[in-house]
Amino acid sequence: MNIFMKRILSIIPWVAALLVIRAIKIKKINRELKTLEQLEEKNIDENNYSIQEEGWLGILFLVGTIFFSGLLLYGFIDGQADFSVIVAYGILIAFSGICTLHLFLWRVKVNHDVIEYRSLFGKKYYKFSDITRSVDKENGTLEIYAGDKKIFKFDENISTSLFENSLSKHKISQETWLGCRDKECIIRPKESHYVLPGIFFLYLVYNSVILVSNAKETAFVFLLFSLVPGGIFFYFLMDKTIVRDGWLYRNGFLRKNCKIRLTDITQVKRKKNLFGETLILYKNQKKIAKISARNRNVDWLQVKIAEIKKDKKKLERKK
């Protein structure tokens, strides 16, 4: 197996990861609905239950760890495992291994009033009386607090319906953290949209750099491949819309920046395309900006524009 094929094969787990992210989101929605149905029908024990990470997700990372370890071992056998290869695959193996352990070990177990929290750092026990509040973050995570101290959190891929039901039964404050305020808000993509493309991009660039000295043609191919994830990475990383003091500022990668008063936006439309749903802003009949509907705080922006339009109409009627 030559260097090119070996490095191409090492990308396969990351391609799988992109597909997995989509599957996780769909699975979480279905699981939440099923849990709510079971709670309504009383087909689930509300006082004794366990919440864990997805087992198949842990298996996926375990396969990735074994896969990277196998490639590194082959490199040693084949005599191609130089310092740069050892460092690169060592990082990948460590990352996949830690994720595997986290996914298999993480658990929240509820037995009436007692909560057992298990993680990489061992087990801890709490009571619902210790919890002062929970906070739903805009990235989908649920954070649990005892006073001002965060004692544990649920990742965005974990169904929290059962635990939130327990919090409600114990009359514990459930807050929603909003990144937007009345005068200022930042609308931008979620981290998951650019983290994986960024990993792809850096990995391909890294391979092209270490191959320049002894395989220039292969290095060029990797650099060429890096253009696609690199473009996606910078597109999402630099995609930002700021709403401040009645103005909307739209910035982006290889995109013309725009600045417009919210009162000048006459129409808002949602349209579906190949990459999902897009929020389109118009001034009269002119299209002035497009924002992905999957970005954080897009719904806030749409509501804000609707409120401004309503207030504007009221002022016009008074005149």
C-alpha atoms as a PDB file:
ATOM      1  CA  MET A   1       0.000   0.000   0.000  1.00  0.00           C
ATOM      2  CA  ASN A   2       1.571   3.310  -1.071  1.00  0.00           C
ATOM      3  CA  ILE A   3       1.602   6.517   0.974  1.00  0.00           C
ATOM      4  CA  PHE A   4      -1.213   8.114  -1.019  1.00  0.00           C
ATOM      5  CA  MET A   5      -3.682   5.236  -0.520  1.00  0.00           C
ATOM      6  CA  LYS A   6      -2.790   4.894   3.149  1.00  0.00           C
ATOM      7  CA  ARG A   7      -3.512   8.552   3.828  1.00  0.00           C
ATOM      8  CA  ILE A   8      -6.698   8.503   1.764  1.00  0.00           C
ATOM      9  CA  LEU A   9      -7.931   5.521   3.814  1.00  0.00           C
ATOM     10  CA  SER A  10      -7.219   7.406   7.033  1.00  0.00           C
ATOM     11  CA  ILE A  11      -9.806  10.023   6.009  1.00  0.00           C
ATOM     12  CA  ILE A  12     -12.653   7.475   5.878  1.00  0.00           C
ATOM     13  CA  PRO A  13     -13.559   7.728   9.618  1.00  0.00           C
ATOM     14  CA  TRP A  14     -13.914  11.524   9.310  1.00  0.00           C
ATOM     15  CA  VAL A  15     -16.218  11.151   6.293  1.00  0.00           C
ATOM     16  CA  ALA A  16     -18.287   8.734   8.377  1.00  0.00           C
ATOM     17  CA  ALA A  17     -18.360  11.308  11.184  1.00  0.00           C
ATOM     18  CA  LEU A  18     -20.063  13.858   8.915  1.00  0.00           C
ATOM     19  CA  LEU A  19     -22.836  11.362   8.192  1.00  0.00           C
ATOM     20  CA  VAL A  20     -23.086  10.443  11.863  1.00  0.00           C
ATOM     21  CA  ILE A  21     -23.753  14.065  12.942  1.00  0.00           C
ATOM     22  CA  ARG A  22     -26.853  14.156  10.761  1.00  0.00           C
ATOM     23  CA  ALA A  23     -28.010  10.757  12.036  1.00  0.00           C
ATOM     24  CA  ILE A  24     -27.559  11.856  15.678  1.00  0.00           C
ATOM     25  CA  LYS A  25     -29.809  14.897  15.224  1.00  0.00           C
ATOM     26  CA  ILE A  26     -32.614  12.835  13.662  1.00  0.00           C
ATOM     27  CA  LYS A  27     -32.255  10.099  16.297  1.00  0.00           C
ATOM     28  CA  LYS A  28     -32.387  12.608  19.174  1.00  0.00           C
ATOM     29  CA  ILE A  29     -35.663  14.126  17.913  1.00  0.00           C
ATOM     30  CA  ASN A  30     -37.255  10.663  17.555  1.00  0.00           C
ATOM     31  CA  ARG A  31     -36.019   9.631  21.016  1.00  0.00           C
ATOM     32  CA  GLU A  32     -37.394  12.818  22.633  1.00  0.00           C
ATOM     33  CA  LEU A  33     -40.824  12.205  21.064  1.00  0.00           C
ATOM     34  CA  LYS A  34     -40.832   8.560  22.172  1.00  0.00           C
ATOM     35  CA  THR A  35     -39.894   9.511  25.763  1.00  0.00           C
ATOM     36  CA  LEU A  36     -42.647  12.141  25.930  1.00  0.00           C
ATOM     37  CA  GLU A  37     -45.196   9.573  24.690  1.00  0.00           C
ATOM     38  CA  GLN A  38     -44.047   7.063  27.333  1.00  0.00           C
ATOM     39  CA  LEU A  39     -44.305   9.714  30.058  1.00  0.00           C
ATOM     40  CA  GLU A  40     -47.857  10.558  28.984  1.00  0.00           C
ATOM     41  CA  GLU A  41     -48.882   6.896  28.881  1.00  0.00           C
ATOM     42  CA  LYS A  42     -47.059   6.122  32.178  1.00  0.00           C
ATOM     43  CA  ASN A  43     -45.075   3.336  30.453  1.00  0.00           C
ATOM     44  CA  ILE A  44     -41.788   4.420  31.997  1.00  0.00           C
ATOM     45  CA  ASP A  45     -40.523   4.576  35.594  1.00  0.00           C
ATOM     46  CA  GLU A  46     -40.019   8.280  36.305  1.00  0.00           C
ATOM     47  CA  ASN A  47     -38.182   7.604  39.578  1.00  0.00           C
ATOM     48  CA  ASN A  48     -35.682   4.991  38.449  1.00  0.00           C
ATOM     49  CA  TYR A  49     -33.920   5.394  35.120  1.00  0.00           C
ATOM     50  CA  SER A  50     -30.534   5.719  33.440  1.00  0.00           C
ATOM     51  CA  ILE A  51     -29.380   8.142  30.734  1.00  0.00           C
ATOM     52  CA  GLN A  52     -26.327   7.230  28.655  1.00  0.00           C
ATOM     53  CA  GLU A  53     -24.538   8.250  25.494  1.00  0.00           C
ATOM     54  CA  GLU A  54     -25.433   6.365  22.322  1.00  0.00           C
ATOM     55  CA  GLY A  55     -23.702   2.964  22.402  1.00  0.00           C
ATOM     56  CA  TRP A  56     -23.314   2.803  18.624  1.00  0.00           C
ATOM     57  CA  LEU A  57     -21.509   6.160  18.716  1.00  0.00           C
ATOM     58  CA  GLY A  58     -18.967   4.734  21.150  1.00  0.00           C
ATOM     59  CA  ILE A  59     -18.503   1.716  18.871  1.00  0.00           C
ATOM     60  CA  LEU A  60     -17.883   4.051  15.935  1.00  0.00           C
ATOM     61  CA  PHE A  61     -15.090   5.868  17.796  1.00  0.00           C
ATOM     62  CA  LEU A  62     -13.693   2.519  18.955  1.00  0.00           C
ATOM     63  CA  VAL A  63     -13.518   1.383  15.319  1.00  0.00           C
ATOM     64  CA  GLY A  64     -11.779   4.673  14.479  1.00  0.00           C
ATOM     65  CA  THR A  65      -9.228   4.124  17.261  1.00  0.00           C
ATOM     66  CA  ILE A  66      -8.493   0.588  16.052  1.00  0.00           C
ATOM     67  CA  PHE A  67      -8.321   1.800  12.444  1.00  0.00           C
ATOM     68  CA  PHE A  68      -5.775   4.549  13.196  1.00  0.00           C
ATOM     69  CA  SER A  69      -3.766   2.182  15.411  1.00  0.00           C
ATOM     70  CA  GLY A  70      -3.684  -0.355  12.573  1.00  0.00           C
ATOM     71  CA  LEU A  71      -2.423   2.260  10.109  1.00  0.00           C
ATOM     72  CA  LEU A  72       0.314   3.343  12.528  1.00  0.00           C
ATOM     73  CA  LEU A  73       1.321  -0.296  13.130  1.00  0.00           C
ATOM     74  CA  TYR A  74       1.446  -0.871   9.367  1.00  0.00           C
ATOM     75  CA  GLY A  75       3.656   2.217   9.083  1.00  0.00           C
ATOM     76  CA  PHE A  76       6.124   0.696  11.573  1.00  0.00           C
ATOM     77  CA  ILE A  77       6.112  -2.655   9.739  1.00  0.00           C
ATOM     78  CA  ASP A  78       6.487  -0.955   6.341  1.00  0.00           C
ATOM     79  CA  GLY A  79       9.238   1.359   7.613  1.00  0.00           C
ATOM     80  CA  GLN A  80       7.304   4.562   6.772  1.00  0.00           C
ATOM     81  CA  ALA A  81       6.532   5.649  10.336  1.00  0.00           C
ATOM     82  CA  ASP A  82       8.776   8.679  10.675  1.00  0.00           C
ATOM     83  CA  PHE A  83       8.418  11.270  13.461  1.00  0.00           C
ATOM     84  CA  SER A  84       5.711  13.303  11.687  1.00  0.00           C
ATOM     85  CA  VAL A  85       3.588  10.193  11.006  1.00  0.00           C
ATOM     86  CA  ILE A  86       3.904   9.041  14.640  1.00  0.00           C
ATOM     87  CA  VAL A  87       2.843  12.485  15.920  1.00  0.00           C
ATOM     88  CA  ALA A  88      -0.105  12.753  13.495  1.00  0.00           C
ATOM     89  CA  TYR A  89      -1.495   9.297  14.161  1.00  0.00           C
ATOM     90  CA  GLY A  90      -0.671   9.540  17.864  1.00  0.00           C
ATOM     91  CA  ILE A  91      -2.924  12.608  18.127  1.00  0.00           C
ATOM     92  CA  LEU A  92      -5.718  10.897  16.187  1.00  0.00           C
ATOM     93  CA  ILE A  93      -5.475   7.719  18.303  1.00  0.00           C
ATOM     94  CA  ALA A  94      -5.461   9.724  21.563  1.00  0.00           C
ATOM     95  CA  PHE A  95      -8.458  11.814  20.453  1.00  0.00           C
ATOM     96  CA  SER A  96     -10.491   8.800  19.288  1.00  0.00           C
ATOM     97  CA  GLY A  97      -9.506   6.808  22.388  1.00  0.00           C
ATOM     98  CA  ILE A  98     -10.573   9.552  24.836  1.00  0.00           C
ATOM     99  CA  CYS A  99     -13.877  10.009  22.968  1.00  0.00           C
ATOM    100  CA  THR A 100     -14.454   6.229  23.084  1.00  0.00           C
ATOM    101  CA  LEU A 101     -13.885   6.090  26.860  1.00  0.00           C
ATOM    102  CA  HIS A 102     -16.103   9.132  27.422  1.00  0.00           C
ATOM    103  CA  LEU A 103     -18.957   7.690  25.360  1.00  0.00           C
ATOM    104  CA  PHE A 104     -18.853   4.292  27.081  1.00  0.00           C
ATOM    105  CA  LEU A 105     -18.401   5.608  30.643  1.00  0.00           C
ATOM    106  CA  TRP A 106     -20.672   8.695  30.744  1.00  0.00           C
ATOM    107  CA  ARG A 107     -23.930   8.025  32.570  1.00  0.00           C
ATOM    108  CA  VAL A 108     -26.531   9.737  34.743  1.00  0.00           C
ATOM    109  CA  LYS A 109     -28.503   7.280  36.870  1.00  0.00           C
ATOM    110  CA  VAL A 110     -31.520   8.412  38.891  1.00  0.00           C
ATOM    111  CA  ASN A 111     -32.876   6.367  41.801  1.00  0.00           C
ATOM    112  CA  HIS A 112     -35.705   8.395  43.354  1.00  0.00           C
ATOM    113  CA  ASP A 113     -33.934  11.404  44.937  1.00  0.00           C
ATOM    114  CA  VAL A 114     -30.347  10.183  44.370  1.00  0.00           C
ATOM    115  CA  ILE A 115     -28.388  11.011  41.197  1.00  0.00           C
ATOM    116  CA  GLU A 116     -25.296   9.006  40.276  1.00  0.00           C
ATOM    117  CA  TYR A 117     -23.082  10.839  37.771  1.00  0.00           C
ATOM    118  CA  ARG A 118     -20.339   8.763  36.132  1.00  0.00           C
ATOM    119  CA  SER A 119     -17.635  10.155  33.844  1.00  0.00           C
ATOM    120  CA  LEU A 120     -13.971   9.651  32.934  1.00  0.00           C
ATOM    121  CA  PHE A 121     -13.079  11.070  36.357  1.00  0.00           C
ATOM    122  CA  GLY A 122     -15.122   8.548  38.348  1.00  0.00           C
ATOM    123  CA  LYS A 123     -18.497   8.558  40.091  1.00  0.00           C
ATOM    124  CA  LYS A 124     -20.157  11.366  42.012  1.00  0.00           C
ATOM    125  CA  TYR A 125     -23.439  11.354  43.908  1.00  0.00           C
ATOM    126  CA  TYR A 126     -25.935  14.187  44.247  1.00  0.00           C
ATOM    127  CA  LYS A 127     -29.502  14.705  45.422  1.00  0.00           C
ATOM    128  CA  PHE A 128     -32.137  16.727  43.622  1.00  0.00           C
ATOM    129  CA  SER A 129     -32.166  18.974  46.697  1.00  0.00           C
ATOM    130  CA  ASP A 130     -28.523  19.890  45.839  1.00  0.00           C
ATOM    131  CA  ILE A 131     -29.534  21.215  42.411  1.00  0.00           C
ATOM    132  CA  THR A 132     -30.474  24.895  42.339  1.00  0.00           C
ATOM    133  CA  ARG A 133     -31.100  25.363  38.619  1.00  0.00           C
ATOM    134  CA  SER A 134     -30.647  23.961  35.129  1.00  0.00           C
ATOM    135  CA  VAL A 135     -29.759  25.958  32.032  1.00  0.00           C
ATOM    136  CA  ASP A 136     -30.685  25.079  28.445  1.00  0.00           C
ATOM    137  CA  LYS A 137     -27.883  26.518  26.298  1.00  0.00           C
ATOM    138  CA  GLU A 138     -28.408  27.646  22.706  1.00  0.00           C
ATOM    139  CA  ASN A 139     -26.010  24.926  21.464  1.00  0.00           C
ATOM    140  CA  GLY A 140     -28.415  22.235  22.712  1.00  0.00           C
ATOM    141  CA  THR A 141     -26.604  21.270  25.937  1.00  0.00           C
ATOM    142  CA  LEU A 142     -28.298  21.141  29.346  1.00  0.00           C
ATOM    143  CA  GLU A 143     -26.147  22.330  32.268  1.00  0.00           C
ATOM    144  CA  ILE A 144     -26.937  21.393  35.883  1.00  0.00           C
ATOM    145  CA  TYR A 145     -25.884  23.698  38.739  1.00  0.00           C
ATOM    146  CA  ALA A 146     -25.515  23.424  42.513  1.00  0.00           C
ATOM    147  CA  GLY A 147     -25.338  27.074  43.534  1.00  0.00           C
ATOM    148  CA  ASP A 148     -22.924  28.743  41.114  1.00  0.00           C
ATOM    149  CA  LYS A 149     -21.032  25.507  40.424  1.00  0.00           C
ATOM    150  CA  LYS A 150     -21.785  23.471  37.306  1.00  0.00           C
ATOM    151  CA  ILE A 151     -21.819  19.849  38.491  1.00  0.00           C
ATOM    152  CA  PHE A 152     -22.477  18.118  35.156  1.00  0.00           C
ATOM    153  CA  LYS A 153     -24.022  18.629  31.764  1.00  0.00           C
ATOM    154  CA  PHE A 154     -25.852  16.703  29.050  1.00  0.00           C
ATOM    155  CA  ASP A 155     -24.362  16.928  25.548  1.00  0.00           C
ATOM    156  CA  GLU A 156     -26.561  18.094  22.679  1.00  0.00           C
ATOM    157  CA  ASN A 157     -26.952  14.534  21.311  1.00  0.00           C
ATOM    158  CA  ILE A 158     -28.459  13.198  24.584  1.00  0.00           C
ATOM    159  CA  SER A 159     -32.204  13.042  25.195  1.00  0.00           C
ATOM    160  CA  THR A 160     -32.961  14.959  28.410  1.00  0.00           C
ATOM    161  CA  SER A 161     -36.769  14.691  28.542  1.00  0.00           C
ATOM    162  CA  LEU A 162     -36.778  12.290  31.512  1.00  0.00           C
ATOM    163  CA  PHE A 163     -34.345  14.348  33.565  1.00  0.00           C
ATOM    164  CA  GLU A 164     -36.136  17.617  32.774  1.00  0.00           C
ATOM    165  CA  ASN A 165     -39.366  15.955  33.900  1.00  0.00           C
ATOM    166  CA  SER A 166     -37.652  15.075  37.221  1.00  0.00           C
ATOM    167  CA  LEU A 167     -36.419  18.669  37.577  1.00  0.00           C
ATOM    168  CA  SER A 168     -39.966  19.887  37.049  1.00  0.00           C
ATOM    169  CA  LYS A 169     -41.339  17.452  39.658  1.00  0.00           C
ATOM    170  CA  HIS A 170     -38.798  18.720  42.204  1.00  0.00           C
ATOM    171  CA  LYS A 171     -39.690  22.330  41.272  1.00  0.00           C
ATOM    172  CA  ILE A 172     -36.129  23.173  40.218  1.00  0.00           C
ATOM    173  CA  SER A 173     -35.668  26.316  38.147  1.00  0.00           C
ATOM    174  CA  GLN A 174     -35.213  25.581  34.440  1.00  0.00           C
ATOM    175  CA  GLU A 175     -33.703  28.505  32.560  1.00  0.00           C
ATOM    176  CA  THR A 176     -33.016  29.101  28.900  1.00  0.00           C
ATOM    177  CA  TRP A 177     -29.753  30.879  28.122  1.00  0.00           C
ATOM    178  CA  LEU A 178     -30.165  33.404  25.323  1.00  0.00           C
ATOM    179  CA  GLY A 179     -27.145  34.721  23.460  1.00  0.00           C
ATOM    180  CA  CYS A 180     -29.320  37.542  22.142  1.00  0.00           C
ATOM    181  CA  ARG A 181     -30.407  40.641  23.920  1.00  0.00           C
ATOM    182  CA  ASP A 182     -32.861  43.267  22.767  1.00  0.00           C
ATOM    183  CA  LYS A 183     -30.185  45.581  21.359  1.00  0.00           C
ATOM    184  CA  GLU A 184     -27.504  43.149  20.208  1.00  0.00           C
ATOM    185  CA  CYS A 185     -27.322  39.660  18.790  1.00  0.00           C
ATOM    186  CA  ILE A 186     -24.841  37.561  16.802  1.00  0.00           C
ATOM    187  CA  ILE A 187     -26.203  35.089  14.264  1.00  0.00           C
ATOM    188  CA  ARG A 188     -23.636  32.517  13.177  1.00  0.00           C
ATOM    189  CA  PRO A 189     -23.300  28.789  12.320  1.00  0.00           C
ATOM    190  CA  LYS A 190     -23.028  26.147  15.021  1.00  0.00           C
ATOM    191  CA  GLU A 191     -19.532  24.819  15.766  1.00  0.00           C
ATOM    192  CA  SER A 192     -20.392  21.426  14.242  1.00  0.00           C
ATOM    193  CA  HIS A 193     -20.726  23.084  10.829  1.00  0.00           C
ATOM    194  CA  TYR A 194     -17.076  24.112  10.647  1.00  0.00           C
ATOM    195  CA  VAL A 195     -15.143  21.954  13.160  1.00  0.00           C
ATOM    196  CA  LEU A 196     -15.113  18.754  11.069  1.00  0.00           C
ATOM    197  CA  PRO A 197     -14.345  20.528   7.753  1.00  0.00           C
ATOM    198  CA  GLY A 198     -11.571  22.326   9.664  1.00  0.00           C
ATOM    199  CA  ILE A 199     -10.125  19.003  10.841  1.00  0.00           C
ATOM    200  CA  PHE A 200     -10.268  17.670   7.266  1.00  0.00           C
ATOM    201  CA  PHE A 201      -8.577  20.814   5.959  1.00  0.00           C
ATOM    202  CA  LEU A 202      -5.748  20.841   8.519  1.00  0.00           C
ATOM    203  CA  TYR A 203      -5.186  17.106   8.142  1.00  0.00           C
ATOM    204  CA  LEU A 204      -4.869  17.324   4.345  1.00  0.00           C
ATOM    205  CA  VAL A 205      -2.603  20.381   4.521  1.00  0.00           C
ATOM    206  CA  TYR A 206      -0.464  18.633   7.132  1.00  0.00           C
ATOM    207  CA  ASN A 207      -0.099  15.588   4.850  1.00  0.00           C
ATOM    208  CA  SER A 208       0.819  17.745   1.864  1.00  0.00           C
ATOM    209  CA  VAL A 209       3.522  19.523   3.915  1.00  0.00           C
ATOM    210  CA  ILE A 210       5.189  16.346   5.219  1.00  0.00           C
ATOM    211  CA  LEU A 211       5.092  14.756   1.739  1.00  0.00           C
ATOM    212  CA  VAL A 212       6.654  17.702  -0.116  1.00  0.00           C
ATOM    213  CA  SER A 213      10.218  16.460   0.368  1.00  0.00           C
ATOM    214  CA  ASN A 214       9.797  12.902  -0.970  1.00  0.00           C
ATOM    215  CA  ALA A 215       6.500  12.780  -2.878  1.00  0.00           C
ATOM    216  CA  LYS A 216       5.726  16.139  -4.488  1.00  0.00           C
ATOM    217  CA  GLU A 217       2.961  14.842  -6.776  1.00  0.00           C
ATOM    218  CA  THR A 218       1.129  13.199  -3.871  1.00  0.00           C
ATOM    219  CA  ALA A 219       1.589  16.360  -1.789  1.00  0.00           C
ATOM    220  CA  PHE A 220      -0.019  18.407  -4.583  1.00  0.00           C
ATOM    221  CA  VAL A 221      -3.013  16.024  -4.722  1.00  0.00           C
ATOM    222  CA  PHE A 222      -3.573  16.367  -0.958  1.00  0.00           C
ATOM    223  CA  LEU A 223      -3.298  20.147  -1.226  1.00  0.00           C
ATOM    224  CA  LEU A 224      -5.857  20.058  -4.065  1.00  0.00           C
ATOM    225  CA  PHE A 225      -8.211  17.922  -1.974  1.00  0.00           C
ATOM    226  CA  SER A 226      -7.866  20.377   0.916  1.00  0.00           C
ATOM    227  CA  LEU A 227      -9.478  23.192  -1.104  1.00  0.00           C
ATOM    228  CA  VAL A 228     -13.015  21.799  -0.677  1.00  0.00           C
ATOM    229  CA  PRO A 229     -13.021  21.303   3.136  1.00  0.00           C
ATOM    230  CA  GLY A 230     -10.926  24.471   3.439  1.00  0.00           C
ATOM    231  CA  GLY A 231     -13.536  26.480   1.542  1.00  0.00           C
ATOM    232  CA  ILE A 232     -16.352  25.021   3.673  1.00  0.00           C
ATOM    233  CA  PHE A 233     -14.366  25.675   6.876  1.00  0.00           C
ATOM    234  CA  PHE A 234     -13.672  29.350   6.120  1.00  0.00           C
ATOM    235  CA  TYR A 235     -17.188  29.890   4.729  1.00  0.00           C
ATOM    236  CA  PHE A 236     -18.837  28.808   8.008  1.00  0.00           C
ATOM    237  CA  LEU A 237     -16.117  30.179  10.312  1.00  0.00           C
ATOM    238  CA  MET A 238     -16.389  33.701   8.885  1.00  0.00           C
ATOM    239  CA  ASP A 239     -20.163  33.649   8.376  1.00  0.00           C
ATOM    240  CA  LYS A 240     -21.457  36.191  10.866  1.00  0.00           C
ATOM    241  CA  THR A 241     -24.441  38.504  11.108  1.00  0.00           C
ATOM    242  CA  ILE A 242     -24.488  41.113  13.859  1.00  0.00           C
ATOM    243  CA  VAL A 243     -27.611  42.989  14.925  1.00  0.00           C
ATOM    244  CA  ARG A 244     -26.723  46.062  16.947  1.00  0.00           C
ATOM    245  CA  ASP A 245     -28.705  49.207  17.818  1.00  0.00           C
ATOM    246  CA  GLY A 246     -31.206  48.715  14.997  1.00  0.00           C
ATOM    247  CA  TRP A 247     -28.591  47.907  12.338  1.00  0.00           C
ATOM    248  CA  LEU A 248     -27.801  44.592  10.656  1.00  0.00           C
ATOM    249  CA  TYR A 249     -24.178  43.917   9.648  1.00  0.00           C
ATOM    250  CA  ARG A 250     -23.621  40.902   7.365  1.00  0.00           C
ATOM    251  CA  ASN A 251     -20.069  39.541   6.995  1.00  0.00           C
ATOM    252  CA  GLY A 252     -18.710  36.428   5.323  1.00  0.00           C
ATOM    253  CA  PHE A 253     -15.952  34.631   3.426  1.00  0.00           C
ATOM    254  CA  LEU A 254     -15.682  35.762  -0.236  1.00  0.00           C
ATOM    255  CA  ARG A 255     -18.972  37.584   0.206  1.00  0.00           C
ATOM    256  CA  LYS A 256     -19.789  41.249  -0.133  1.00  0.00           C
ATOM    257  CA  ASN A 257     -20.390  42.732   3.319  1.00  0.00           C
ATOM    258  CA  CYS A 258     -23.585  44.671   3.833  1.00  0.00           C
ATOM    259  CA  LYS A 259     -25.026  47.068   6.378  1.00  0.00           C
ATOM    260  CA  ILE A 260     -28.715  47.914   6.602  1.00  0.00           C
ATOM    261  CA  ARG A 261     -31.202  49.309   9.089  1.00  0.00           C
ATOM    262  CA  LEU A 262     -33.707  46.738  10.337  1.00  0.00           C
ATOM    263  CA  THR A 263     -36.477  49.222   9.563  1.00  0.00           C
ATOM    264  CA  ASP A 264     -35.433  49.168   5.876  1.00  0.00           C
ATOM    265  CA  ILE A 265     -36.008  45.396   5.564  1.00  0.00           C
ATOM    266  CA  THR A 266     -39.373  45.109   3.824  1.00  0.00           C
ATOM    267  CA  GLN A 267     -39.704  41.360   3.393  1.00  0.00           C
ATOM    268  CA  VAL A 268     -38.357  38.101   4.833  1.00  0.00           C
ATOM    269  CA  LYS A 269     -38.666  34.746   3.068  1.00  0.00           C
ATOM    270  CA  ARG A 270     -37.570  31.206   3.865  1.00  0.00           C
ATOM    271  CA  LYS A 271     -36.526  29.124   0.889  1.00  0.00           C
ATOM    272  CA  LYS A 272     -35.215  25.569   0.632  1.00  0.00           C
ATOM    273  CA  ASN A 273     -32.170  24.758  -1.454  1.00  0.00           C
ATOM    274  CA  LEU A 274     -29.597  21.991  -1.867  1.00  0.00           C
ATOM    275  CA  PHE A 275     -27.902  22.870   1.455  1.00  0.00           C
ATOM    276  CA  GLY A 276     -31.062  23.276   3.548  1.00  0.00           C
ATOM    277  CA  GLU A 277     -33.292  26.229   4.350  1.00  0.00           C
ATOM    278  CA  THR A 278     -32.218  29.850   3.882  1.00  0.00           C
ATOM    279  CA  LEU A 279     -33.598  33.075   5.326  1.00  0.00           C
ATOM    280  CA  ILE A 280     -33.631  35.760   2.616  1.00  0.00           C
ATOM    281  CA  LEU A 281     -33.887  39.458   3.482  1.00  0.00           C
ATOM    282  CA  TYR A 282     -35.262  42.006   1.006  1.00  0.00           C
ATOM    283  CA  LYS A 283     -35.257  45.786   0.762  1.00  0.00           C
ATOM    284  CA  ASN A 284     -38.247  46.550  -1.435  1.00  0.00           C
ATOM    285  CA  GLN A 285     -37.798  43.950  -4.211  1.00  0.00           C
ATOM    286  CA  LYS A 286     -34.008  43.745  -3.905  1.00  0.00           C
ATOM    287  CA  LYS A 287     -32.398  40.730  -2.227  1.00  0.00           C
ATOM    288  CA  ILE A 288     -29.869  42.100   0.279  1.00  0.00           C
ATOM    289  CA  ALA A 289     -28.774  39.102   2.380  1.00  0.00           C
ATOM    290  CA  LYS A 290     -29.075  35.340   2.730  1.00  0.00           C
ATOM    291  CA  ILE A 291     -28.626  33.580   6.080  1.00  0.00           C
ATOM    292  CA  SER A 292     -28.756  29.836   6.732  1.00  0.00           C
ATOM    293  CA  ALA A 293     -31.878  28.948   8.734  1.00  0.00           C
ATOM    294  CA  ARG A 294     -29.739  26.484  10.719  1.00  0.00           C
ATOM    295  CA  ASN A 295     -27.608  29.288  12.168  1.00  0.00           C
ATOM    296  CA  ARG A 296     -27.985  30.164  15.814  1.00  0.00           C
ATOM    297  CA  ASN A 297     -30.495  32.896  16.677  1.00  0.00           C
ATOM    298  CA  VAL A 298     -32.063  33.023  13.197  1.00  0.00           C
ATOM    299  CA  ASP A 299     -35.544  32.645  14.710  1.00  0.00           C
ATOM    300  CA  TRP A 300     -34.785  35.572  17.049  1.00  0.00           C
ATOM    301  CA  LEU A 301     -33.843  37.710  14.036  1.00  0.00           C
ATOM    302  CA  GLN A 302     -37.043  36.823  12.157  1.00  0.00           C
ATOM    303  CA  VAL A 303     -39.181  37.642  15.203  1.00  0.00           C
ATOM    304  CA  LYS A 304     -37.254  40.898  15.744  1.00  0.00           C
ATOM    305  CA  ILE A 305     -37.819  42.034  12.137  1.00  0.00           C
ATOM    306  CA  ALA A 306     -41.528  41.141  12.389  1.00  0.00           C
ATOM    307  CA  GLU A 307     -41.848  43.219  15.599  1.00  0.00           C
ATOM    308  CA  ILE A 308     -40.117  46.204  13.973  1.00  0.00           C
ATOM    309  CA  LYS A 309     -42.405  45.980  10.923  1.00  0.00           C
ATOM    310  CA  LYS A 310     -45.439  45.876  13.208  1.00  0.00           C
ATOM    311  CA  ASP A 311     -44.240  48.931  15.181  1.00  0.00           C
ATOM    312  CA  LYS A 312     -43.501  50.741  11.916  1.00  0.00           C
ATOM    313  CA  LYS A 313     -47.054  50.128  10.657  1.00  0.00           C
ATOM    314  CA  LYS A 314     -48.509  51.447  13.921  1.00  0.00           C
ATOM    315  CA  LEU A 315     -46.506  54.665  13.575  1.00  0.00           C
ATOM    316  CA  GLU A 316     -47.645  55.089   9.961  1.00  0.00           C
ATOM    317  CA  ARG A 317     -51.302  54.677  11.004  1.00  0.00           C
ATOM    318  CA  LYS A 318     -50.952  57.343  13.685  1.00  0.00           C
ATOM    319  CA  LYS A 319     -49.574  59.767  11.107  1.00  0.00           C
END
